[in-house]
Amino acid sequence: MWRDICLNNPKDIVKHIKGYQQALDKLSTLIENNQSEELEKLFSDAKSARDSWLKD
């Protein structure tokens, strides 16, 4: 099933994978550079987004 989903929607799936990769690259850079304030903001923003989704 997953194979067929991937093969029938390659552009959308690759687009989202690249978005995840960019987010992970940003997180990795913040950690490597010891950017504590930016990390705190990133996690705070993520929590706010998650809380908003759970309300709906």
Protein backbone atom coordinates (compact mmCIF):
# COMPACT_ATOMS: atom_id res chain seq x y z
CA MET A 1 0.00 0.00 0.00
CA TRP A 2 2.68 2.56 1.01
CA ARG A 3 4.66 1.77 -2.12
CA ASP A 4 1.64 2.62 -4.26
CA ILE A 5 0.96 5.83 -2.32
CA CYS A 6 4.57 6.94 -2.85
CA LEU A 7 4.63 6.02 -6.53
CA ASN A 8 1.32 7.74 -7.23
CA ASN A 9 2.17 10.98 -5.38
CA PRO A 10 5.91 11.48 -5.82
CA LYS A 11 5.94 15.28 -6.13
CA ASP A 12 3.87 15.92 -3.02
CA ILE A 13 5.67 13.31 -0.94
CA VAL A 14 9.14 14.51 -1.94
CA LYS A 15 8.08 18.11 -1.26
CA HIS A 16 7.05 17.21 2.29
CA ILE A 17 10.16 15.10 2.88
CA LYS A 18 12.32 18.05 1.84
CA GLY A 19 10.38 20.29 4.22
CA TYR A 20 11.06 17.87 7.08
CA GLN A 21 14.73 17.75 6.10
CA GLN A 22 14.93 21.55 6.21
CA ALA A 23 13.31 21.62 9.65
CA LEU A 24 15.72 18.97 10.93
CA ASP A 25 18.68 20.83 9.41
CA LYS A 26 17.58 23.99 11.22
CA LEU A 27 17.24 22.12 14.51
CA SER A 28 20.61 20.46 14.03
CA THR A 29 22.28 23.80 13.32
CA LEU A 30 20.75 25.40 16.41
CA ILE A 31 21.98 22.52 18.56
CA GLU A 32 25.46 22.46 17.02
CA ASN A 33 25.84 26.21 17.48
CA ASN A 34 24.51 26.13 21.04
CA GLN A 35 21.80 28.68 20.19
CA SER A 36 19.74 28.30 23.35
CA GLU A 37 17.37 31.22 22.83
CA GLU A 38 16.52 30.15 19.29
CA LEU A 39 16.01 26.55 20.46
CA GLU A 40 13.68 27.74 23.20
CA LYS A 41 11.66 29.76 20.66
CA LEU A 42 11.52 26.83 18.24
CA PHE A 43 10.21 24.49 20.95
CA SER A 44 7.78 27.11 22.25
CA ASP A 45 6.40 27.71 18.75
CA ALA A 46 6.06 23.95 18.22
CA LYS A 47 4.15 23.58 21.49
CA SER A 48 1.82 26.43 20.56
CA ALA A 49 1.12 24.86 17.17
CA ARG A 50 0.52 21.43 18.73
CA ASP A 51 -1.79 22.88 21.39
CA SER A 52 -3.73 24.72 18.69
CA TRP A 53 -4.20 21.54 16.64
CA LEU A 54 -5.37 19.60 19.69
CA LYS A 55 -8.05 22.22 20.45
CA ASP A 56 -9.66 21.82 17.04
